[in-house]
């Protein structure tokens, strides 16, 4: 009987440890995303202009060049202007009202994705936290150069059909020293976050 109690206590301890780890990880992810993305209620008003061009020589002839300019007051009040050789859009959001003016046959997907990820470089927070419950967590510590330490969270999502099984792997990396996102990725590609000029203390987020 005593052995059974010991086994029971060990099992409960392990479950509690796993539960606590998942909760701590979710809290760290939530805080990192809130500090590293611009679409937060506490973000100060800002004006951002991004000039887009391929960074790799092999993509120079892709035609993927343009500009994205954003005037931000709050998550419910902002203006965005997007330019490329084939497309031009002005979008103004004011509360429940969303006004758009489009010039061109269609909004190129690469341009639409960049325009969104300048403000929100990761999927919606609730989606990330839900998937992170079953994520694989790896902590890479670099005592010599802490700036290169990483907390990596990886998870798989079923993207297939009953006939054709398929999965998509997604990931988020956090700098444990600054608490900021380093990079994120998944279905549709990945992205590395870097500081924008004028946003000195976060990866693109104004100081509060």
C-alpha atoms as a PDB file:
ATOM      1  CA  UNK A   1       0.000   0.000   0.000  1.00  0.00           C
ATOM      2  CA  UNK A   2       2.858   2.376   0.845  1.00  0.00           C
ATOM      3  CA  UNK A   3       4.443   1.783  -2.560  1.00  0.00           C
ATOM      4  CA  UNK A   4       1.137   2.591  -4.260  1.00  0.00           C
ATOM      5  CA  UNK A   5       0.924   5.890  -2.391  1.00  0.00           C
ATOM      6  CA  UNK A   6       4.506   6.739  -3.391  1.00  0.00           C
ATOM      7  CA  UNK A   7       3.741   6.038  -7.057  1.00  0.00           C
ATOM      8  CA  UNK A   8       0.602   8.171  -6.816  1.00  0.00           C
ATOM      9  CA  UNK A   9       2.499  11.088  -5.283  1.00  0.00           C
ATOM     10  CA  UNK A  10       5.209  10.903  -7.972  1.00  0.00           C
ATOM     11  CA  UNK A  11       2.565  10.853 -10.741  1.00  0.00           C
ATOM     12  CA  UNK A  12       0.786  13.876  -9.291  1.00  0.00           C
ATOM     13  CA  UNK A  13       4.085  15.743  -8.974  1.00  0.00           C
ATOM     14  CA  UNK A  14       4.972  15.067 -12.613  1.00  0.00           C
ATOM     15  CA  UNK A  15       1.533  16.170 -13.836  1.00  0.00           C
ATOM     16  CA  UNK A  16       1.721  19.350 -11.769  1.00  0.00           C
ATOM     17  CA  UNK A  17       5.209  20.090 -13.111  1.00  0.00           C
ATOM     18  CA  UNK A  18       4.061  19.656 -16.716  1.00  0.00           C
ATOM     19  CA  UNK A  19       0.986  21.786 -16.102  1.00  0.00           C
ATOM     20  CA  UNK A  20       3.062  24.531 -14.479  1.00  0.00           C
ATOM     21  CA  UNK A  21       5.591  24.451 -17.335  1.00  0.00           C
ATOM     22  CA  UNK A  22       2.815  24.793 -19.936  1.00  0.00           C
ATOM     23  CA  UNK A  23       1.274  27.676 -17.990  1.00  0.00           C
ATOM     24  CA  UNK A  24       4.639  29.452 -17.633  1.00  0.00           C
ATOM     25  CA  UNK A  25       5.384  28.987 -21.338  1.00  0.00           C
ATOM     26  CA  UNK A  26       1.986  30.366 -22.341  1.00  0.00           C
ATOM     27  CA  UNK A  27       2.548  33.400 -20.104  1.00  0.00           C
ATOM     28  CA  UNK A  28       5.995  34.027 -21.637  1.00  0.00           C
ATOM     29  CA  UNK A  29       4.633  33.711 -25.175  1.00  0.00           C
ATOM     30  CA  UNK A  30       1.745  36.066 -24.406  1.00  0.00           C
ATOM     31  CA  UNK A  31       4.054  38.684 -22.901  1.00  0.00           C
ATOM     32  CA  UNK A  32       6.574  38.391 -25.759  1.00  0.00           C
ATOM     33  CA  UNK A  33       3.894  38.809 -28.434  1.00  0.00           C
ATOM     34  CA  UNK A  34       2.330  41.764 -26.643  1.00  0.00           C
ATOM     35  CA  UNK A  35       5.740  43.472 -26.364  1.00  0.00           C
ATOM     36  CA  UNK A  36       6.851  42.644 -29.905  1.00  0.00           C
ATOM     37  CA  UNK A  37       3.753  43.481 -31.947  1.00  0.00           C
ATOM     38  CA  UNK A  38       2.278  46.876 -32.712  1.00  0.00           C
ATOM     39  CA  UNK A  39      -1.446  46.061 -32.728  1.00  0.00           C
ATOM     40  CA  UNK A  40      -1.837  46.479 -28.963  1.00  0.00           C
ATOM     41  CA  UNK A  41      -4.225  48.845 -27.213  1.00  0.00           C
ATOM     42  CA  UNK A  42      -1.337  50.431 -25.291  1.00  0.00           C
ATOM     43  CA  UNK A  43       0.813  51.163 -28.340  1.00  0.00           C
ATOM     44  CA  UNK A  44       1.469  54.874 -28.776  1.00  0.00           C
ATOM     45  CA  UNK A  45       0.402  56.495 -32.071  1.00  0.00           C
ATOM     46  CA  UNK A  46       3.074  56.178 -34.743  1.00  0.00           C
ATOM     47  CA  UNK A  47       3.855  56.657 -38.417  1.00  0.00           C
ATOM     48  CA  UNK A  48       5.712  53.829 -40.157  1.00  0.00           C
ATOM     49  CA  UNK A  49       6.981  53.694 -43.750  1.00  0.00           C
ATOM     50  CA  UNK A  50       8.556  50.496 -45.075  1.00  0.00           C
ATOM     51  CA  UNK A  51      10.307  50.226 -48.436  1.00  0.00           C
ATOM     52  CA  UNK A  52      10.147  46.645 -49.712  1.00  0.00           C
ATOM     53  CA  UNK A  53      12.736  44.897 -51.858  1.00  0.00           C
ATOM     54  CA  UNK A  54      14.102  41.330 -52.085  1.00  0.00           C
ATOM     55  CA  UNK A  55      17.115  40.729 -49.856  1.00  0.00           C
ATOM     56  CA  UNK A  56      18.449  37.767 -51.872  1.00  0.00           C
ATOM     57  CA  UNK A  57      20.147  38.180 -55.241  1.00  0.00           C
ATOM     58  CA  UNK A  58      18.142  35.328 -56.754  1.00  0.00           C
ATOM     59  CA  UNK A  59      14.895  37.235 -56.060  1.00  0.00           C
ATOM     60  CA  UNK A  60      15.973  40.590 -57.515  1.00  0.00           C
ATOM     61  CA  UNK A  61      13.989  40.031 -60.718  1.00  0.00           C
ATOM     62  CA  UNK A  62      10.803  38.898 -58.935  1.00  0.00           C
ATOM     63  CA  UNK A  63       9.237  42.346 -59.093  1.00  0.00           C
ATOM     64  CA  UNK A  64       8.411  42.186 -55.405  1.00  0.00           C
ATOM     65  CA  UNK A  65       9.139  45.812 -54.597  1.00  0.00           C
ATOM     66  CA  UNK A  66       6.916  48.463 -53.118  1.00  0.00           C
ATOM     67  CA  UNK A  67       6.099  50.517 -50.049  1.00  0.00           C
ATOM     68  CA  UNK A  68       3.767  50.192 -47.083  1.00  0.00           C
ATOM     69  CA  UNK A  69       2.944  53.291 -45.064  1.00  0.00           C
ATOM     70  CA  UNK A  70       0.895  53.204 -41.876  1.00  0.00           C
ATOM     71  CA  UNK A  71      -0.518  55.974 -39.703  1.00  0.00           C
ATOM     72  CA  UNK A  72      -1.591  54.367 -36.422  1.00  0.00           C
ATOM     73  CA  UNK A  73      -3.789  55.855 -33.694  1.00  0.00           C
ATOM     74  CA  UNK A  74      -5.179  52.659 -32.126  1.00  0.00           C
ATOM     75  CA  UNK A  75      -6.216  49.109 -33.140  1.00  0.00           C
ATOM     76  CA  UNK A  76      -9.578  50.565 -34.226  1.00  0.00           C
ATOM     77  CA  UNK A  77      -8.270  53.783 -35.851  1.00  0.00           C
ATOM     78  CA  UNK A  78      -5.574  53.632 -38.508  1.00  0.00           C
ATOM     79  CA  UNK A  79      -4.744  54.377 -42.154  1.00  0.00           C
ATOM     80  CA  UNK A  80      -2.592  52.220 -44.447  1.00  0.00           C
ATOM     81  CA  UNK A  81      -1.346  52.932 -47.957  1.00  0.00           C
ATOM     82  CA  UNK A  82       0.219  50.160 -50.028  1.00  0.00           C
ATOM     83  CA  UNK A  83       2.083  50.664 -53.326  1.00  0.00           C
ATOM     84  CA  UNK A  84       3.581  48.266 -55.842  1.00  0.00           C
ATOM     85  CA  UNK A  85       4.085  48.399 -59.596  1.00  0.00           C
ATOM     86  CA  UNK A  86       0.796  46.541 -60.162  1.00  0.00           C
ATOM     87  CA  UNK A  87      -1.338  47.598 -57.210  1.00  0.00           C
ATOM     88  CA  UNK A  88      -2.224  50.554 -54.997  1.00  0.00           C
ATOM     89  CA  UNK A  89      -4.528  50.484 -51.979  1.00  0.00           C
ATOM     90  CA  UNK A  90      -5.604  53.046 -49.408  1.00  0.00           C
ATOM     91  CA  UNK A  91      -7.415  51.615 -46.389  1.00  0.00           C
ATOM     92  CA  UNK A  92      -8.845  53.647 -43.511  1.00  0.00           C
ATOM     93  CA  UNK A  93     -10.306  52.032 -40.398  1.00  0.00           C
ATOM     94  CA  UNK A  94     -12.310  54.131 -37.938  1.00  0.00           C
ATOM     95  CA  UNK A  95     -14.174  52.039 -35.405  1.00  0.00           C
ATOM     96  CA  UNK A  96     -16.701  49.861 -37.238  1.00  0.00           C
ATOM     97  CA  UNK A  97     -16.089  51.659 -40.535  1.00  0.00           C
ATOM     98  CA  UNK A  98     -13.554  50.256 -43.036  1.00  0.00           C
ATOM     99  CA  UNK A  99     -13.028  52.265 -46.248  1.00  0.00           C
ATOM    100  CA  UNK A 100     -10.834  51.085 -49.119  1.00  0.00           C
ATOM    101  CA  UNK A 101      -9.753  52.417 -52.484  1.00  0.00           C
ATOM    102  CA  UNK A 102      -8.048  49.902 -54.780  1.00  0.00           C
ATOM    103  CA  UNK A 103      -6.216  50.445 -58.053  1.00  0.00           C
ATOM    104  CA  UNK A 104      -5.085  47.313 -59.874  1.00  0.00           C
ATOM    105  CA  UNK A 105      -6.458  43.897 -60.761  1.00  0.00           C
ATOM    106  CA  UNK A 106      -5.707  42.229 -57.424  1.00  0.00           C
ATOM    107  CA  UNK A 107      -3.835  42.621 -54.131  1.00  0.00           C
ATOM    108  CA  UNK A 108      -0.620  40.532 -54.491  1.00  0.00           C
ATOM    109  CA  UNK A 109      -0.535  37.952 -51.696  1.00  0.00           C
ATOM    110  CA  UNK A 110       3.116  38.646 -50.817  1.00  0.00           C
ATOM    111  CA  UNK A 111       2.349  42.360 -50.441  1.00  0.00           C
ATOM    112  CA  UNK A 112      -0.788  41.734 -48.385  1.00  0.00           C
ATOM    113  CA  UNK A 113       1.153  39.410 -46.077  1.00  0.00           C
ATOM    114  CA  UNK A 114       3.980  41.918 -45.537  1.00  0.00           C
ATOM    115  CA  UNK A 115       1.505  44.743 -44.860  1.00  0.00           C
ATOM    116  CA  UNK A 116      -0.139  42.655 -42.129  1.00  0.00           C
ATOM    117  CA  UNK A 117       3.093  41.330 -40.615  1.00  0.00           C
ATOM    118  CA  UNK A 118       4.610  44.782 -40.172  1.00  0.00           C
ATOM    119  CA  UNK A 119       2.018  45.256 -37.427  1.00  0.00           C
ATOM    120  CA  UNK A 120       1.375  41.648 -36.428  1.00  0.00           C
ATOM    121  CA  UNK A 121       4.285  39.339 -37.358  1.00  0.00           C
ATOM    122  CA  UNK A 122       2.702  36.289 -35.719  1.00  0.00           C
ATOM    123  CA  UNK A 123      -0.731  34.615 -35.964  1.00  0.00           C
ATOM    124  CA  UNK A 124      -3.523  35.825 -33.628  1.00  0.00           C
ATOM    125  CA  UNK A 125      -2.493  35.488 -29.985  1.00  0.00           C
ATOM    126  CA  UNK A 126      -5.342  33.125 -29.009  1.00  0.00           C
ATOM    127  CA  UNK A 127      -4.380  30.723 -31.812  1.00  0.00           C
ATOM    128  CA  UNK A 128      -0.719  30.691 -30.793  1.00  0.00           C
ATOM    129  CA  UNK A 129      -1.526  30.088 -27.113  1.00  0.00           C
ATOM    130  CA  UNK A 130      -3.955  27.274 -27.957  1.00  0.00           C
ATOM    131  CA  UNK A 131      -1.396  25.429 -30.075  1.00  0.00           C
ATOM    132  CA  UNK A 132       1.392  26.093 -27.585  1.00  0.00           C
ATOM    133  CA  UNK A 133      -0.355  23.822 -25.056  1.00  0.00           C
ATOM    134  CA  UNK A 134       0.909  20.820 -26.994  1.00  0.00           C
ATOM    135  CA  UNK A 135       4.134  22.429 -28.176  1.00  0.00           C
ATOM    136  CA  UNK A 136       7.638  21.043 -27.987  1.00  0.00           C
ATOM    137  CA  UNK A 137       9.731  23.375 -25.845  1.00  0.00           C
ATOM    138  CA  UNK A 138      13.515  23.646 -26.096  1.00  0.00           C
ATOM    139  CA  UNK A 139      15.709  26.018 -24.143  1.00  0.00           C
ATOM    140  CA  UNK A 140      19.057  26.906 -25.726  1.00  0.00           C
ATOM    141  CA  UNK A 141      21.225  28.691 -23.189  1.00  0.00           C
ATOM    142  CA  UNK A 142      24.433  30.477 -24.167  1.00  0.00           C
ATOM    143  CA  UNK A 143      26.249  31.545 -20.968  1.00  0.00           C
ATOM    144  CA  UNK A 144      29.121  33.075 -22.957  1.00  0.00           C
ATOM    145  CA  UNK A 145      26.850  35.302 -25.044  1.00  0.00           C
ATOM    146  CA  UNK A 146      23.354  35.485 -23.509  1.00  0.00           C
ATOM    147  CA  UNK A 147      22.095  37.453 -26.523  1.00  0.00           C
ATOM    148  CA  UNK A 148      22.202  34.193 -28.487  1.00  0.00           C
ATOM    149  CA  UNK A 149      20.096  32.262 -25.962  1.00  0.00           C
ATOM    150  CA  UNK A 150      16.689  31.132 -27.220  1.00  0.00           C
ATOM    151  CA  UNK A 151      13.485  29.575 -25.968  1.00  0.00           C
ATOM    152  CA  UNK A 152      12.001  27.682 -28.922  1.00  0.00           C
ATOM    153  CA  UNK A 153       8.363  26.558 -29.017  1.00  0.00           C
ATOM    154  CA  UNK A 154       7.352  24.228 -31.895  1.00  0.00           C
ATOM    155  CA  UNK A 155       3.991  22.631 -32.637  1.00  0.00           C
ATOM    156  CA  UNK A 156       2.243  20.759 -35.434  1.00  0.00           C
ATOM    157  CA  UNK A 157      -1.163  21.526 -36.945  1.00  0.00           C
ATOM    158  CA  UNK A 158      -3.228  19.081 -38.986  1.00  0.00           C
ATOM    159  CA  UNK A 159      -3.734  20.783 -42.374  1.00  0.00           C
ATOM    160  CA  UNK A 160      -4.720  17.758 -44.424  1.00  0.00           C
ATOM    161  CA  UNK A 161      -7.997  16.082 -45.311  1.00  0.00           C
ATOM    162  CA  UNK A 162      -9.448  12.696 -44.294  1.00  0.00           C
ATOM    163  CA  UNK A 163      -8.131  11.348 -47.587  1.00  0.00           C
ATOM    164  CA  UNK A 164      -4.708  13.025 -47.559  1.00  0.00           C
ATOM    165  CA  UNK A 165      -3.085  13.432 -44.151  1.00  0.00           C
ATOM    166  CA  UNK A 166      -0.716  16.379 -43.785  1.00  0.00           C
ATOM    167  CA  UNK A 167       0.705  18.539 -41.022  1.00  0.00           C
ATOM    168  CA  UNK A 168       2.191  22.011 -40.814  1.00  0.00           C
ATOM    169  CA  UNK A 169       4.868  22.857 -38.284  1.00  0.00           C
ATOM    170  CA  UNK A 170       4.850  26.269 -36.628  1.00  0.00           C
ATOM    171  CA  UNK A 171       7.364  27.854 -34.304  1.00  0.00           C
ATOM    172  CA  UNK A 172       8.057  30.844 -32.079  1.00  0.00           C
ATOM    173  CA  UNK A 173      11.455  31.791 -30.654  1.00  0.00           C
ATOM    174  CA  UNK A 174      11.871  34.106 -27.661  1.00  0.00           C
ATOM    175  CA  UNK A 175      14.978  35.763 -26.303  1.00  0.00           C
ATOM    176  CA  UNK A 176      14.802  34.781 -22.596  1.00  0.00           C
ATOM    177  CA  UNK A 177      16.892  37.808 -21.595  1.00  0.00           C
ATOM    178  CA  UNK A 178      14.843  40.545 -23.262  1.00  0.00           C
ATOM    179  CA  UNK A 179      11.527  38.685 -23.373  1.00  0.00           C
ATOM    180  CA  UNK A 180      11.088  39.692 -27.029  1.00  0.00           C
ATOM    181  CA  UNK A 181      10.260  37.576 -30.063  1.00  0.00           C
ATOM    182  CA  UNK A 182      13.232  36.621 -32.202  1.00  0.00           C
ATOM    183  CA  UNK A 183      11.379  34.955 -35.036  1.00  0.00           C
ATOM    184  CA  UNK A 184       8.172  33.118 -35.838  1.00  0.00           C
ATOM    185  CA  UNK A 185       6.952  30.962 -38.669  1.00  0.00           C
ATOM    186  CA  UNK A 186       4.652  28.292 -39.957  1.00  0.00           C
ATOM    187  CA  UNK A 187       2.211  27.860 -42.791  1.00  0.00           C
ATOM    188  CA  UNK A 188       2.998  30.598 -45.312  1.00  0.00           C
ATOM    189  CA  UNK A 189       6.638  31.074 -44.347  1.00  0.00           C
ATOM    190  CA  UNK A 190       8.718  32.470 -41.540  1.00  0.00           C
ATOM    191  CA  UNK A 191       9.930  35.839 -40.443  1.00  0.00           C
ATOM    192  CA  UNK A 192      12.731  37.213 -38.295  1.00  0.00           C
ATOM    193  CA  UNK A 193      11.976  40.235 -36.138  1.00  0.00           C
ATOM    194  CA  UNK A 194      14.426  43.109 -35.995  1.00  0.00           C
ATOM    195  CA  UNK A 195      14.257  46.499 -34.381  1.00  0.00           C
ATOM    196  CA  UNK A 196      12.770  49.304 -36.416  1.00  0.00           C
ATOM    197  CA  UNK A 197      14.305  52.742 -36.227  1.00  0.00           C
ATOM    198  CA  UNK A 198      12.338  54.858 -33.771  1.00  0.00           C
ATOM    199  CA  UNK A 199      11.340  51.839 -31.657  1.00  0.00           C
ATOM    200  CA  UNK A 200      14.517  51.404 -29.553  1.00  0.00           C
ATOM    201  CA  UNK A 201      13.530  49.039 -26.759  1.00  0.00           C
ATOM    202  CA  UNK A 202      11.436  46.476 -28.522  1.00  0.00           C
ATOM    203  CA  UNK A 203      11.368  44.666 -31.840  1.00  0.00           C
ATOM    204  CA  UNK A 204       9.202  47.320 -33.476  1.00  0.00           C
ATOM    205  CA  UNK A 205       7.117  48.394 -30.459  1.00  0.00           C
ATOM    206  CA  UNK A 206       7.210  52.003 -29.204  1.00  0.00           C
ATOM    207  CA  UNK A 207       8.127  52.626 -25.586  1.00  0.00           C
ATOM    208  CA  UNK A 208       5.214  53.038 -23.231  1.00  0.00           C
END
